[in-house]
Amino acid sequence: MPALTDSWTLGGIEIPNRVALAPLAGIGNWFVRLQARRHGAGLVVSEMVSSFAVHYRNERTCTELLRIHPDERSGGPVSIQLFGSDPDVMRSAAATVAAAGADLIDLNMGCPVPKVCKTGAGAALISDPDLAVALARAAGEGSGLPVTVKIRSGQRPGDRDGLSVARRLVDEAGVAAIAFHPRSAAVAHAGRPDHELSAELVRTLDAPVILTGGMRSAEAVRSAFEQTGAAAVMLARGALGNPWLFEQVLGLRELDPTADEVLAELDWVIDSAIDHLGEDRAARYLRKFYPWYLARLEATPATADALARTASIGEARGLLLAAGPAGPEAARGMAAAA
């Protein structure tokens, strides 16, 4: 059995290890992917991007969500995830994604959010395997890149339709790998992943299976990897505010980060968000990031509440300094320097 640190090949593309960043809807932009790369991820996948928005050249989608930072390429390939329900639109969008510099394309066939499913995209495609196959074919034709698909076990607990759809995607559309989330769309991110079902898919699929969902610690990742025989694993919510998880899974570190490390990492995130969105938009955007890091700083509820209402980056940085090991003295020093 391979080790998580071993390299492997996906659709002819070399990947330096078997630990990837999963697509995180509304989160996985270039700097989140770059952060995962800095901490060891061998493959990084973008947040979910609308094929319709790409096809119709929505400016924000094409300039922000398709942005690939040059440093992302150091250490492995970059995959852009698309979702949609029209093969012609998907073919066009995939061509644009390839031109933007992606190495692979991932298709979302597992998102359980109703506003996505009601369009016929996401997990709704588990119930429409003919369309799922047509979309995967179109993505490959439009891009000329290897195509992977992220899919769930089914619509409801106990369903196994995702396995048969996965086999069709490989056999009929030439999909290079399946990223399998062994929970149904109905439970979203709740409940225990069915790793026996994952192991069955690994045994019966003529393509690599990448395991994702419900792995929040290095021990859980290693256990699931060994139990299922998957080709690789994807870290998702367990890595939010905890990019050190990649290092722990790969055996590069054992201890959790110190408060100083957490603050330094968050400072990097803030600077990157400003680069990405400009200072005013970044101040609002980062409000959802702060709680992930505050959990590691043992910040008070009052600090968490204040950060959720910050109107500027300077205000947020002052609160974070006060929450760190140097405490209020550091925050007062920052205010005096300003």
C-alpha atoms as a PDB file:
ATOM      1  CA  MET A   1       0.000   0.000   0.000  1.00  0.00           C
ATOM      2  CA  PRO A   2       1.412   3.436  -0.882  1.00  0.00           C
ATOM      3  CA  ALA A   3       2.171   6.048   1.742  1.00  0.00           C
ATOM      4  CA  LEU A   4       0.521   9.466   1.813  1.00  0.00           C
ATOM      5  CA  THR A   5       3.943  10.960   1.092  1.00  0.00           C
ATOM      6  CA  ASP A   6       4.359   8.957  -2.138  1.00  0.00           C
ATOM      7  CA  SER A   7       3.986  10.627  -5.525  1.00  0.00           C
ATOM      8  CA  TRP A   8       1.379   9.411  -8.020  1.00  0.00           C
ATOM      9  CA  THR A   9       0.028  10.165 -11.476  1.00  0.00           C
ATOM     10  CA  LEU A  10      -3.438  11.535 -12.233  1.00  0.00           C
ATOM     11  CA  GLY A  11      -4.426  11.719 -15.891  1.00  0.00           C
ATOM     12  CA  GLY A  12      -0.756  11.759 -16.854  1.00  0.00           C
ATOM     13  CA  ILE A  13       0.045  14.579 -14.396  1.00  0.00           C
ATOM     14  CA  GLU A  14       2.578  13.952 -11.643  1.00  0.00           C
ATOM     15  CA  ILE A  15       1.420  14.805  -8.116  1.00  0.00           C
ATOM     16  CA  PRO A  16       4.127  14.889  -5.437  1.00  0.00           C
ATOM     17  CA  ASN A  17       2.067  13.387  -2.599  1.00  0.00           C
ATOM     18  CA  ARG A  18      -1.379  12.003  -1.851  1.00  0.00           C
ATOM     19  CA  VAL A  19      -2.796  14.834   0.266  1.00  0.00           C
ATOM     20  CA  ALA A  20      -4.949  17.416  -1.532  1.00  0.00           C
ATOM     21  CA  LEU A  21      -6.966  20.506  -0.681  1.00  0.00           C
ATOM     22  CA  ALA A  22     -10.638  19.828  -1.393  1.00  0.00           C
ATOM     23  CA  PRO A  23     -12.818  22.342  -3.235  1.00  0.00           C
ATOM     24  CA  LEU A  24     -14.369  24.599  -0.580  1.00  0.00           C
ATOM     25  CA  ALA A  25     -17.380  26.538  -1.858  1.00  0.00           C
ATOM     26  CA  GLY A  26     -16.995  30.276  -1.364  1.00  0.00           C
ATOM     27  CA  ILE A  27     -13.564  29.810   0.215  1.00  0.00           C
ATOM     28  CA  GLY A  28     -11.014  28.063  -2.021  1.00  0.00           C
ATOM     29  CA  ASN A  29      -9.618  31.043  -3.915  1.00  0.00           C
ATOM     30  CA  TRP A  30      -5.985  31.326  -5.016  1.00  0.00           C
ATOM     31  CA  PHE A  31      -4.586  32.372  -1.639  1.00  0.00           C
ATOM     32  CA  VAL A  32      -6.391  29.621   0.269  1.00  0.00           C
ATOM     33  CA  ARG A  33      -4.973  27.156  -2.246  1.00  0.00           C
ATOM     34  CA  LEU A  34      -1.539  28.745  -1.950  1.00  0.00           C
ATOM     35  CA  GLN A  35      -1.742  28.454   1.832  1.00  0.00           C
ATOM     36  CA  ALA A  36      -2.446  24.729   1.528  1.00  0.00           C
ATOM     37  CA  ARG A  37       0.463  24.428  -0.898  1.00  0.00           C
ATOM     38  CA  ARG A  38       2.793  26.222   1.525  1.00  0.00           C
ATOM     39  CA  HIS A  39       1.926  23.619   4.144  1.00  0.00           C
ATOM     40  CA  GLY A  40       2.449  20.614   1.887  1.00  0.00           C
ATOM     41  CA  ALA A  41      -0.645  19.894  -0.243  1.00  0.00           C
ATOM     42  CA  GLY A  42       0.355  18.050  -3.410  1.00  0.00           C
ATOM     43  CA  LEU A  43      -2.836  18.967  -5.297  1.00  0.00           C
ATOM     44  CA  VAL A  44      -5.084  21.993  -4.749  1.00  0.00           C
ATOM     45  CA  VAL A  45      -8.623  22.425  -6.064  1.00  0.00           C
ATOM     46  CA  SER A  46     -10.501  25.700  -6.410  1.00  0.00           C
ATOM     47  CA  GLU A  47     -13.821  26.635  -4.933  1.00  0.00           C
ATOM     48  CA  MET A  48     -16.900  25.789  -6.993  1.00  0.00           C
ATOM     49  CA  VAL A  49     -17.115  28.045 -10.075  1.00  0.00           C
ATOM     50  CA  SER A  50     -20.248  28.445 -12.200  1.00  0.00           C
ATOM     51  CA  SER A  51     -19.789  27.224 -15.764  1.00  0.00           C
ATOM     52  CA  PHE A  52     -22.516  29.678 -16.825  1.00  0.00           C
ATOM     53  CA  ALA A  53     -20.670  32.616 -15.262  1.00  0.00           C
ATOM     54  CA  VAL A  54     -17.472  31.598 -17.042  1.00  0.00           C
ATOM     55  CA  HIS A  55     -19.242  30.997 -20.362  1.00  0.00           C
ATOM     56  CA  TYR A  56     -20.946  34.413 -20.261  1.00  0.00           C
ATOM     57  CA  ARG A  57     -17.689  36.080 -19.152  1.00  0.00           C
ATOM     58  CA  ASN A  58     -18.856  37.411 -15.814  1.00  0.00           C
ATOM     59  CA  GLU A  59     -16.054  39.823 -14.941  1.00  0.00           C
ATOM     60  CA  ARG A  60     -15.706  39.014 -11.249  1.00  0.00           C
ATOM     61  CA  THR A  61     -15.791  35.272 -11.899  1.00  0.00           C
ATOM     62  CA  CYS A  62     -13.176  35.408 -14.628  1.00  0.00           C
ATOM     63  CA  THR A  63     -10.808  37.821 -12.879  1.00  0.00           C
ATOM     64  CA  GLU A  64     -11.099  36.564  -9.301  1.00  0.00           C
ATOM     65  CA  LEU A  65     -12.221  32.926  -9.275  1.00  0.00           C
ATOM     66  CA  LEU A  66     -10.074  31.842 -12.223  1.00  0.00           C
ATOM     67  CA  ARG A  67      -6.967  33.572 -10.892  1.00  0.00           C
ATOM     68  CA  ILE A  68      -4.029  31.209 -10.411  1.00  0.00           C
ATOM     69  CA  HIS A  69      -1.057  32.619  -8.518  1.00  0.00           C
ATOM     70  CA  PRO A  70       2.353  31.682  -9.983  1.00  0.00           C
ATOM     71  CA  ASP A  71       3.502  30.344  -6.604  1.00  0.00           C
ATOM     72  CA  GLU A  72       0.638  27.825  -6.605  1.00  0.00           C
ATOM     73  CA  ARG A  73       2.473  25.904  -9.295  1.00  0.00           C
ATOM     74  CA  SER A  74       5.447  25.240  -7.043  1.00  0.00           C
ATOM     75  CA  GLY A  75       4.789  21.835  -5.523  1.00  0.00           C
ATOM     76  CA  GLY A  76       2.054  20.397  -7.715  1.00  0.00           C
ATOM     77  CA  PRO A  77      -0.856  20.953 -10.096  1.00  0.00           C
ATOM     78  CA  VAL A  78      -3.863  23.266  -9.769  1.00  0.00           C
ATOM     79  CA  SER A  79      -7.411  22.103 -10.497  1.00  0.00           C
ATOM     80  CA  ILE A  80     -10.398  24.371 -11.102  1.00  0.00           C
ATOM     81  CA  GLN A  81     -13.806  23.026 -10.103  1.00  0.00           C
ATOM     82  CA  LEU A  82     -16.816  23.819 -12.299  1.00  0.00           C
ATOM     83  CA  PHE A  83     -20.502  23.167 -11.788  1.00  0.00           C
ATOM     84  CA  GLY A  84     -23.402  23.348 -14.219  1.00  0.00           C
ATOM     85  CA  SER A  85     -26.049  21.408 -16.110  1.00  0.00           C
ATOM     86  CA  ASP A  86     -25.590  22.338 -19.791  1.00  0.00           C
ATOM     87  CA  PRO A  87     -22.962  20.359 -21.755  1.00  0.00           C
ATOM     88  CA  ASP A  88     -22.428  23.083 -24.358  1.00  0.00           C
ATOM     89  CA  VAL A  89     -21.897  25.709 -21.688  1.00  0.00           C
ATOM     90  CA  MET A  90     -19.603  23.330 -19.807  1.00  0.00           C
ATOM     91  CA  ARG A  91     -17.539  22.742 -22.951  1.00  0.00           C
ATOM     92  CA  SER A  92     -17.077  26.490 -23.403  1.00  0.00           C
ATOM     93  CA  ALA A  93     -16.292  27.120 -19.740  1.00  0.00           C
ATOM     94  CA  ALA A  94     -13.767  24.299 -19.655  1.00  0.00           C
ATOM     95  CA  ALA A  95     -11.923  25.828 -22.602  1.00  0.00           C
ATOM     96  CA  THR A  96     -11.716  29.146 -20.749  1.00  0.00           C
ATOM     97  CA  VAL A  97     -10.450  27.419 -17.601  1.00  0.00           C
ATOM     98  CA  ALA A  98      -7.737  25.661 -19.609  1.00  0.00           C
ATOM     99  CA  ALA A  99      -6.701  28.976 -21.142  1.00  0.00           C
ATOM    100  CA  ALA A 100      -6.478  30.450 -17.623  1.00  0.00           C
ATOM    101  CA  GLY A 101      -3.774  27.912 -16.831  1.00  0.00           C
ATOM    102  CA  ALA A 102      -5.478  25.099 -14.924  1.00  0.00           C
ATOM    103  CA  ASP A 103      -3.803  21.684 -14.976  1.00  0.00           C
ATOM    104  CA  LEU A 104      -7.005  19.731 -14.334  1.00  0.00           C
ATOM    105  CA  ILE A 105     -10.746  20.314 -14.228  1.00  0.00           C
ATOM    106  CA  ASP A 106     -12.952  18.965 -11.446  1.00  0.00           C
ATOM    107  CA  LEU A 107     -16.729  18.768 -11.834  1.00  0.00           C
ATOM    108  CA  ASN A 108     -19.011  19.181  -8.849  1.00  0.00           C
ATOM    109  CA  MET A 109     -21.657  16.460  -8.685  1.00  0.00           C
ATOM    110  CA  GLY A 110     -21.994  16.434  -4.924  1.00  0.00           C
ATOM    111  CA  CYS A 111     -23.054  19.897  -3.722  1.00  0.00           C
ATOM    112  CA  PRO A 112     -26.243  19.438  -1.640  1.00  0.00           C
ATOM    113  CA  VAL A 113     -27.251  23.131  -1.541  1.00  0.00           C
ATOM    114  CA  PRO A 114     -30.838  23.464  -2.842  1.00  0.00           C
ATOM    115  CA  LYS A 115     -30.187  26.545  -5.014  1.00  0.00           C
ATOM    116  CA  VAL A 116     -27.516  24.550  -6.875  1.00  0.00           C
ATOM    117  CA  CYS A 117     -29.474  21.291  -7.100  1.00  0.00           C
ATOM    118  CA  LYS A 118     -32.656  22.953  -8.364  1.00  0.00           C
ATOM    119  CA  THR A 119     -30.724  24.048 -11.483  1.00  0.00           C
ATOM    120  CA  GLY A 120     -29.901  20.402 -12.209  1.00  0.00           C
ATOM    121  CA  ALA A 121     -26.281  20.788 -11.061  1.00  0.00           C
ATOM    122  CA  GLY A 122     -24.395  19.510  -8.020  1.00  0.00           C
ATOM    123  CA  ALA A 123     -25.817  16.435  -6.292  1.00  0.00           C
ATOM    124  CA  ALA A 124     -28.886  16.526  -8.560  1.00  0.00           C
ATOM    125  CA  LEU A 125     -26.710  14.926 -11.242  1.00  0.00           C
ATOM    126  CA  ILE A 126     -26.567  11.692  -9.240  1.00  0.00           C
ATOM    127  CA  SER A 127     -30.198  11.238 -10.320  1.00  0.00           C
ATOM    128  CA  ASP A 128     -29.417  12.097 -13.968  1.00  0.00           C
ATOM    129  CA  PRO A 129     -26.436   9.932 -14.948  1.00  0.00           C
ATOM    130  CA  ASP A 130     -26.875  10.538 -18.689  1.00  0.00           C
ATOM    131  CA  LEU A 131     -26.457  14.278 -18.171  1.00  0.00           C
ATOM    132  CA  ALA A 132     -23.576  13.669 -15.766  1.00  0.00           C
ATOM    133  CA  VAL A 133     -21.726  11.678 -18.424  1.00  0.00           C
ATOM    134  CA  ALA A 134     -22.468  14.311 -21.087  1.00  0.00           C
ATOM    135  CA  LEU A 135     -21.105  17.090 -18.854  1.00  0.00           C
ATOM    136  CA  ALA A 136     -17.901  15.179 -18.112  1.00  0.00           C
ATOM    137  CA  ARG A 137     -17.358  14.451 -21.805  1.00  0.00           C
ATOM    138  CA  ALA A 138     -17.941  18.107 -22.660  1.00  0.00           C
ATOM    139  CA  ALA A 139     -15.451  19.301 -20.044  1.00  0.00           C
ATOM    140  CA  GLY A 140     -12.783  17.031 -21.475  1.00  0.00           C
ATOM    141  CA  GLU A 141     -13.535  18.009 -25.063  1.00  0.00           C
ATOM    142  CA  GLY A 142     -13.517  21.717 -24.309  1.00  0.00           C
ATOM    143  CA  SER A 143     -10.369  21.776 -22.200  1.00  0.00           C
ATOM    144  CA  GLY A 144      -8.169  18.953 -23.431  1.00  0.00           C
ATOM    145  CA  LEU A 145      -7.315  18.462 -19.742  1.00  0.00           C
ATOM    146  CA  PRO A 146      -7.827  15.504 -17.410  1.00  0.00           C
ATOM    147  CA  VAL A 147     -11.253  15.689 -15.776  1.00  0.00           C
ATOM    148  CA  THR A 148     -12.111  14.503 -12.275  1.00  0.00           C
ATOM    149  CA  VAL A 149     -15.523  14.430 -10.612  1.00  0.00           C
ATOM    150  CA  LYS A 150     -16.462  14.985  -6.970  1.00  0.00           C
ATOM    151  CA  ILE A 151     -19.566  12.991  -6.093  1.00  0.00           C
ATOM    152  CA  ARG A 152     -21.493  11.749  -3.064  1.00  0.00           C
ATOM    153  CA  SER A 153     -22.850   8.287  -2.261  1.00  0.00           C
ATOM    154  CA  GLY A 154     -26.429   9.252  -3.136  1.00  0.00           C
ATOM    155  CA  GLN A 155     -29.303  11.606  -2.453  1.00  0.00           C
ATOM    156  CA  ARG A 156     -30.493  10.052   0.820  1.00  0.00           C
ATOM    157  CA  PRO A 157     -28.907   7.928   3.559  1.00  0.00           C
ATOM    158  CA  GLY A 158     -28.520   4.349   2.366  1.00  0.00           C
ATOM    159  CA  ASP A 159     -28.488   5.291  -1.329  1.00  0.00           C
ATOM    160  CA  ARG A 160     -25.687   3.862  -3.482  1.00  0.00           C
ATOM    161  CA  ASP A 161     -26.475   5.573  -6.778  1.00  0.00           C
ATOM    162  CA  GLY A 162     -23.268   7.590  -6.599  1.00  0.00           C
ATOM    163  CA  LEU A 163     -21.210   4.438  -7.100  1.00  0.00           C
ATOM    164  CA  SER A 164     -22.942   3.446 -10.325  1.00  0.00           C
ATOM    165  CA  VAL A 165     -22.728   7.020 -11.636  1.00  0.00           C
ATOM    166  CA  ALA A 166     -19.020   7.082 -10.807  1.00  0.00           C
ATOM    167  CA  ARG A 167     -18.469   3.900 -12.827  1.00  0.00           C
ATOM    168  CA  ARG A 168     -20.321   5.340 -15.807  1.00  0.00           C
ATOM    169  CA  LEU A 169     -18.297   8.556 -15.605  1.00  0.00           C
ATOM    170  CA  VAL A 170     -15.073   6.556 -15.822  1.00  0.00           C
ATOM    171  CA  ASP A 171     -16.233   3.985 -18.392  1.00  0.00           C
ATOM    172  CA  GLU A 172     -18.190   6.291 -20.717  1.00  0.00           C
ATOM    173  CA  ALA A 173     -16.685   9.750 -20.224  1.00  0.00           C
ATOM    174  CA  GLY A 174     -13.073   8.831 -19.520  1.00  0.00           C
ATOM    175  CA  VAL A 175     -12.957  10.625 -16.169  1.00  0.00           C
ATOM    176  CA  ALA A 176      -9.434  10.397 -14.729  1.00  0.00           C
ATOM    177  CA  ALA A 177     -10.427  10.054 -11.056  1.00  0.00           C
ATOM    178  CA  ILE A 178     -13.390  10.215  -8.698  1.00  0.00           C
ATOM    179  CA  ALA A 179     -13.315  12.291  -5.517  1.00  0.00           C
ATOM    180  CA  PHE A 180     -15.771  10.397  -3.344  1.00  0.00           C
ATOM    181  CA  HIS A 181     -17.650  11.819  -0.362  1.00  0.00           C
ATOM    182  CA  PRO A 182     -19.214   8.773   1.347  1.00  0.00           C
ATOM    183  CA  ARG A 183     -22.209  10.601   2.800  1.00  0.00           C
ATOM    184  CA  SER A 184     -25.523  11.394   1.144  1.00  0.00           C
ATOM    185  CA  ALA A 185     -26.562  14.829  -0.051  1.00  0.00           C
ATOM    186  CA  ALA A 186     -29.411  14.852   2.490  1.00  0.00           C
ATOM    187  CA  VAL A 187     -27.049  14.841   5.489  1.00  0.00           C
ATOM    188  CA  ALA A 188     -24.619  17.385   3.958  1.00  0.00           C
ATOM    189  CA  HIS A 189     -21.642  17.411   6.358  1.00  0.00           C
ATOM    190  CA  ALA A 190     -23.326  15.640   9.282  1.00  0.00           C
ATOM    191  CA  GLY A 191     -23.092  11.987  10.185  1.00  0.00           C
ATOM    192  CA  ARG A 192     -20.320   9.449   9.898  1.00  0.00           C
ATOM    193  CA  PRO A 193     -18.709   8.818   6.479  1.00  0.00           C
ATOM    194  CA  ASP A 194     -19.244   5.264   5.199  1.00  0.00           C
ATOM    195  CA  HIS A 195     -15.687   4.122   4.580  1.00  0.00           C
ATOM    196  CA  GLU A 196     -16.803   0.577   3.758  1.00  0.00           C
ATOM    197  CA  LEU A 197     -18.685   2.042   0.810  1.00  0.00           C
ATOM    198  CA  SER A 198     -15.563   3.972  -0.198  1.00  0.00           C
ATOM    199  CA  ALA A 199     -13.509   0.781  -0.048  1.00  0.00           C
ATOM    200  CA  GLU A 200     -16.046  -0.935  -2.299  1.00  0.00           C
ATOM    201  CA  LEU A 201     -15.754   1.840  -4.865  1.00  0.00           C
ATOM    202  CA  VAL A 202     -11.953   1.632  -4.716  1.00  0.00           C
ATOM    203  CA  ARG A 203     -12.118  -2.119  -5.433  1.00  0.00           C
ATOM    204  CA  THR A 204     -14.558  -1.832  -8.323  1.00  0.00           C
ATOM    205  CA  LEU A 205     -13.589   1.388 -10.124  1.00  0.00           C
ATOM    206  CA  ASP A 206     -11.116   1.439 -13.024  1.00  0.00           C
ATOM    207  CA  ALA A 207      -9.713   4.801 -11.910  1.00  0.00           C
ATOM    208  CA  PRO A 208      -8.198   6.297  -8.766  1.00  0.00           C
ATOM    209  CA  VAL A 209     -10.524   7.230  -5.912  1.00  0.00           C
ATOM    210  CA  ILE A 210      -9.731  10.325  -3.835  1.00  0.00           C
ATOM    211  CA  LEU A 211     -11.387  10.172  -0.430  1.00  0.00           C
ATOM    212  CA  THR A 212     -12.978  13.311   1.007  1.00  0.00           C
ATOM    213  CA  GLY A 213     -15.353  14.294   3.791  1.00  0.00           C
ATOM    214  CA  GLY A 214     -15.347  14.093   7.582  1.00  0.00           C
ATOM    215  CA  MET A 215     -11.592  13.845   8.214  1.00  0.00           C
ATOM    216  CA  ARG A 216     -10.616  16.504  10.760  1.00  0.00           C
ATOM    217  CA  SER A 217      -7.447  15.096  12.320  1.00  0.00           C
ATOM    218  CA  ALA A 218      -4.255  13.474  11.095  1.00  0.00           C
ATOM    219  CA  GLU A 219      -5.258  10.247  12.828  1.00  0.00           C
ATOM    220  CA  ALA A 220      -8.664  10.217  11.109  1.00  0.00           C
ATOM    221  CA  VAL A 221      -7.058  10.871   7.714  1.00  0.00           C
ATOM    222  CA  ARG A 222      -4.522   8.075   8.068  1.00  0.00           C
ATOM    223  CA  SER A 223      -7.138   5.636   9.340  1.00  0.00           C
ATOM    224  CA  ALA A 224      -9.538   6.358   6.459  1.00  0.00           C
ATOM    225  CA  PHE A 225      -6.728   6.147   3.891  1.00  0.00           C
ATOM    226  CA  GLU A 226      -5.650   2.739   5.185  1.00  0.00           C
ATOM    227  CA  GLN A 227      -9.189   1.419   5.622  1.00  0.00           C
ATOM    228  CA  THR A 228     -10.388   2.337   2.126  1.00  0.00           C
ATOM    229  CA  GLY A 229      -7.260   1.832   0.009  1.00  0.00           C
ATOM    230  CA  ALA A 230      -7.967   5.161  -1.706  1.00  0.00           C
ATOM    231  CA  ALA A 231      -5.338   6.643  -4.008  1.00  0.00           C
ATOM    232  CA  ALA A 232      -5.318   9.953  -2.115  1.00  0.00           C
ATOM    233  CA  VAL A 233      -7.205  12.051   0.424  1.00  0.00           C
ATOM    234  CA  MET A 234      -8.692  15.545   0.319  1.00  0.00           C
ATOM    235  CA  LEU A 235      -8.745  17.794   3.370  1.00  0.00           C
ATOM    236  CA  ALA A 236     -11.747  20.094   3.559  1.00  0.00           C
ATOM    237  CA  ARG A 237     -13.295  21.719   6.648  1.00  0.00           C
ATOM    238  CA  GLY A 238     -10.699  20.160   8.927  1.00  0.00           C
ATOM    239  CA  ALA A 239      -8.088  22.416   7.317  1.00  0.00           C
ATOM    240  CA  LEU A 240     -10.034  25.670   7.778  1.00  0.00           C
ATOM    241  CA  GLY A 241      -7.880  27.815  10.032  1.00  0.00           C
ATOM    242  CA  ASN A 242      -5.608  24.798  10.384  1.00  0.00           C
ATOM    243  CA  PRO A 243      -3.310  24.487   7.353  1.00  0.00           C
ATOM    244  CA  TRP A 244      -0.850  22.745   9.691  1.00  0.00           C
ATOM    245  CA  LEU A 245      -3.064  19.666   9.274  1.00  0.00           C
ATOM    246  CA  PHE A 246      -1.408  19.066   5.892  1.00  0.00           C
ATOM    247  CA  GLU A 247       1.991  18.937   7.596  1.00  0.00           C
ATOM    248  CA  GLN A 248       0.716  16.642  10.345  1.00  0.00           C
ATOM    249  CA  VAL A 249      -0.861  14.227   7.860  1.00  0.00           C
ATOM    250  CA  LEU A 250       2.377  14.126   5.874  1.00  0.00           C
ATOM    251  CA  GLY A 251       4.456  13.557   9.005  1.00  0.00           C
ATOM    252  CA  LEU A 252       6.239  16.910   8.719  1.00  0.00           C
ATOM    253  CA  ARG A 253       5.189  18.046  12.202  1.00  0.00           C
ATOM    254  CA  GLU A 254       3.502  16.576  15.263  1.00  0.00           C
ATOM    255  CA  LEU A 255       2.583  19.495  17.505  1.00  0.00           C
ATOM    256  CA  ASP A 256      -0.289  21.904  17.024  1.00  0.00           C
ATOM    257  CA  PRO A 257       0.703  25.481  16.118  1.00  0.00           C
ATOM    258  CA  THR A 258       1.596  27.989  18.811  1.00  0.00           C
ATOM    259  CA  ALA A 259      -0.396  31.181  19.251  1.00  0.00           C
ATOM    260  CA  ASP A 260       2.406  33.115  17.572  1.00  0.00           C
ATOM    261  CA  GLU A 261       2.264  30.784  14.549  1.00  0.00           C
ATOM    262  CA  VAL A 262      -1.496  31.190  14.325  1.00  0.00           C
ATOM    263  CA  LEU A 263      -1.253  34.989  14.409  1.00  0.00           C
ATOM    264  CA  ALA A 264       1.531  35.025  11.823  1.00  0.00           C
ATOM    265  CA  GLU A 265      -0.493  32.782   9.519  1.00  0.00           C
ATOM    266  CA  LEU A 266      -3.583  34.917   9.896  1.00  0.00           C
ATOM    267  CA  ASP A 267      -1.510  38.002   9.150  1.00  0.00           C
ATOM    268  CA  TRP A 268      -0.444  36.317   5.897  1.00  0.00           C
ATOM    269  CA  VAL A 269      -4.094  35.549   5.123  1.00  0.00           C
ATOM    270  CA  ILE A 270      -5.095  39.178   5.727  1.00  0.00           C
ATOM    271  CA  ASP A 271      -2.348  40.482   3.426  1.00  0.00           C
ATOM    272  CA  SER A 272      -3.356  37.981   0.743  1.00  0.00           C
ATOM    273  CA  ALA A 273      -7.039  38.910   1.003  1.00  0.00           C
ATOM    274  CA  ILE A 274      -6.133  42.575   0.501  1.00  0.00           C
ATOM    275  CA  ASP A 275      -4.164  41.598  -2.607  1.00  0.00           C
ATOM    276  CA  HIS A 276      -7.158  39.590  -3.808  1.00  0.00           C
ATOM    277  CA  LEU A 277     -10.016  41.990  -3.086  1.00  0.00           C
ATOM    278  CA  GLY A 278      -8.647  45.355  -1.999  1.00  0.00           C
ATOM    279  CA  GLU A 279      -8.739  46.517   1.607  1.00  0.00           C
ATOM    280  CA  ASP A 280     -12.419  47.479   1.881  1.00  0.00           C
ATOM    281  CA  ARG A 281     -13.810  44.242   0.429  1.00  0.00           C
ATOM    282  CA  ALA A 282     -11.206  42.162   2.257  1.00  0.00           C
ATOM    283  CA  ALA A 283     -12.329  43.637   5.597  1.00  0.00           C
ATOM    284  CA  ARG A 284     -15.823  42.243   5.015  1.00  0.00           C
ATOM    285  CA  TYR A 285     -14.731  39.000   3.368  1.00  0.00           C
ATOM    286  CA  LEU A 286     -12.386  38.023   6.198  1.00  0.00           C
ATOM    287  CA  ARG A 287     -15.119  38.071   8.839  1.00  0.00           C
ATOM    288  CA  LYS A 288     -15.870  34.423   8.021  1.00  0.00           C
ATOM    289  CA  PHE A 289     -12.175  33.492   8.319  1.00  0.00           C
ATOM    290  CA  TYR A 290     -11.519  34.868  11.794  1.00  0.00           C
ATOM    291  CA  PRO A 291     -13.513  32.261  13.800  1.00  0.00           C
ATOM    292  CA  TRP A 292     -11.444  29.402  12.354  1.00  0.00           C
ATOM    293  CA  TYR A 293      -8.264  30.907  13.790  1.00  0.00           C
ATOM    294  CA  LEU A 294      -9.784  32.298  16.995  1.00  0.00           C
ATOM    295  CA  ALA A 295     -10.616  28.753  18.062  1.00  0.00           C
ATOM    296  CA  ARG A 296      -6.857  28.112  18.260  1.00  0.00           C
ATOM    297  CA  LEU A 297      -6.181  31.338  20.169  1.00  0.00           C
ATOM    298  CA  GLU A 298      -8.750  30.606  22.896  1.00  0.00           C
ATOM    299  CA  ALA A 299     -10.203  34.062  22.313  1.00  0.00           C
ATOM    300  CA  THR A 300     -13.136  35.263  24.376  1.00  0.00           C
ATOM    301  CA  PRO A 301     -16.666  35.370  22.937  1.00  0.00           C
ATOM    302  CA  ALA A 302     -16.465  39.160  23.140  1.00  0.00           C
ATOM    303  CA  THR A 303     -13.419  39.195  20.864  1.00  0.00           C
ATOM    304  CA  ALA A 304     -15.127  36.863  18.401  1.00  0.00           C
ATOM    305  CA  ASP A 305     -18.222  39.066  18.357  1.00  0.00           C
ATOM    306  CA  ALA A 306     -16.159  42.221  17.862  1.00  0.00           C
ATOM    307  CA  LEU A 307     -14.217  40.678  14.954  1.00  0.00           C
ATOM    308  CA  ALA A 308     -17.468  39.656  13.285  1.00  0.00           C
ATOM    309  CA  ARG A 309     -18.424  43.332  13.186  1.00  0.00           C
ATOM    310  CA  THR A 310     -15.098  44.888  12.185  1.00  0.00           C
ATOM    311  CA  ALA A 311     -15.290  47.575   9.521  1.00  0.00           C
ATOM    312  CA  SER A 312     -11.590  47.787   8.682  1.00  0.00           C
ATOM    313  CA  ILE A 313      -8.442  45.687   8.508  1.00  0.00           C
ATOM    314  CA  GLY A 314      -6.737  47.914  11.084  1.00  0.00           C
ATOM    315  CA  GLU A 315      -9.525  47.343  13.576  1.00  0.00           C
ATOM    316  CA  ALA A 316      -9.345  43.584  13.031  1.00  0.00           C
ATOM    317  CA  ARG A 317      -5.566  43.474  13.444  1.00  0.00           C
ATOM    318  CA  GLY A 318      -5.805  45.385  16.724  1.00  0.00           C
ATOM    319  CA  LEU A 319      -8.349  42.911  18.097  1.00  0.00           C
ATOM    320  CA  LEU A 320      -6.254  39.955  16.989  1.00  0.00           C
ATOM    321  CA  LEU A 321      -3.147  41.322  18.665  1.00  0.00           C
ATOM    322  CA  ALA A 322      -5.116  41.752  21.886  1.00  0.00           C
ATOM    323  CA  ALA A 323      -6.274  38.127  21.606  1.00  0.00           C
ATOM    324  CA  GLY A 324      -2.730  36.837  21.133  1.00  0.00           C
ATOM    325  CA  PRO A 325      -0.054  35.928  23.686  1.00  0.00           C
ATOM    326  CA  ALA A 326       1.204  39.543  24.010  1.00  0.00           C
ATOM    327  CA  GLY A 327      -2.326  40.614  24.921  1.00  0.00           C
ATOM    328  CA  PRO A 328      -3.587  44.191  25.304  1.00  0.00           C
ATOM    329  CA  GLU A 329      -0.092  45.676  25.531  1.00  0.00           C
ATOM    330  CA  ALA A 330       0.596  44.708  21.905  1.00  0.00           C
ATOM    331  CA  ALA A 331      -2.709  46.183  20.795  1.00  0.00           C
ATOM    332  CA  ARG A 332      -1.996  49.451  22.611  1.00  0.00           C
ATOM    333  CA  GLY A 333       1.441  49.608  21.000  1.00  0.00           C
ATOM    334  CA  MET A 334      -0.096  49.137  17.580  1.00  0.00           C
ATOM    335  CA  ALA A 335      -2.646  51.876  18.240  1.00  0.00           C
ATOM    336  CA  ALA A 336       0.078  54.251  19.433  1.00  0.00           C
ATOM    337  CA  ALA A 337       2.199  53.538  16.335  1.00  0.00           C
ATOM    338  CA  ALA A 338      -0.783  54.269  14.113  1.00  0.00           C
END
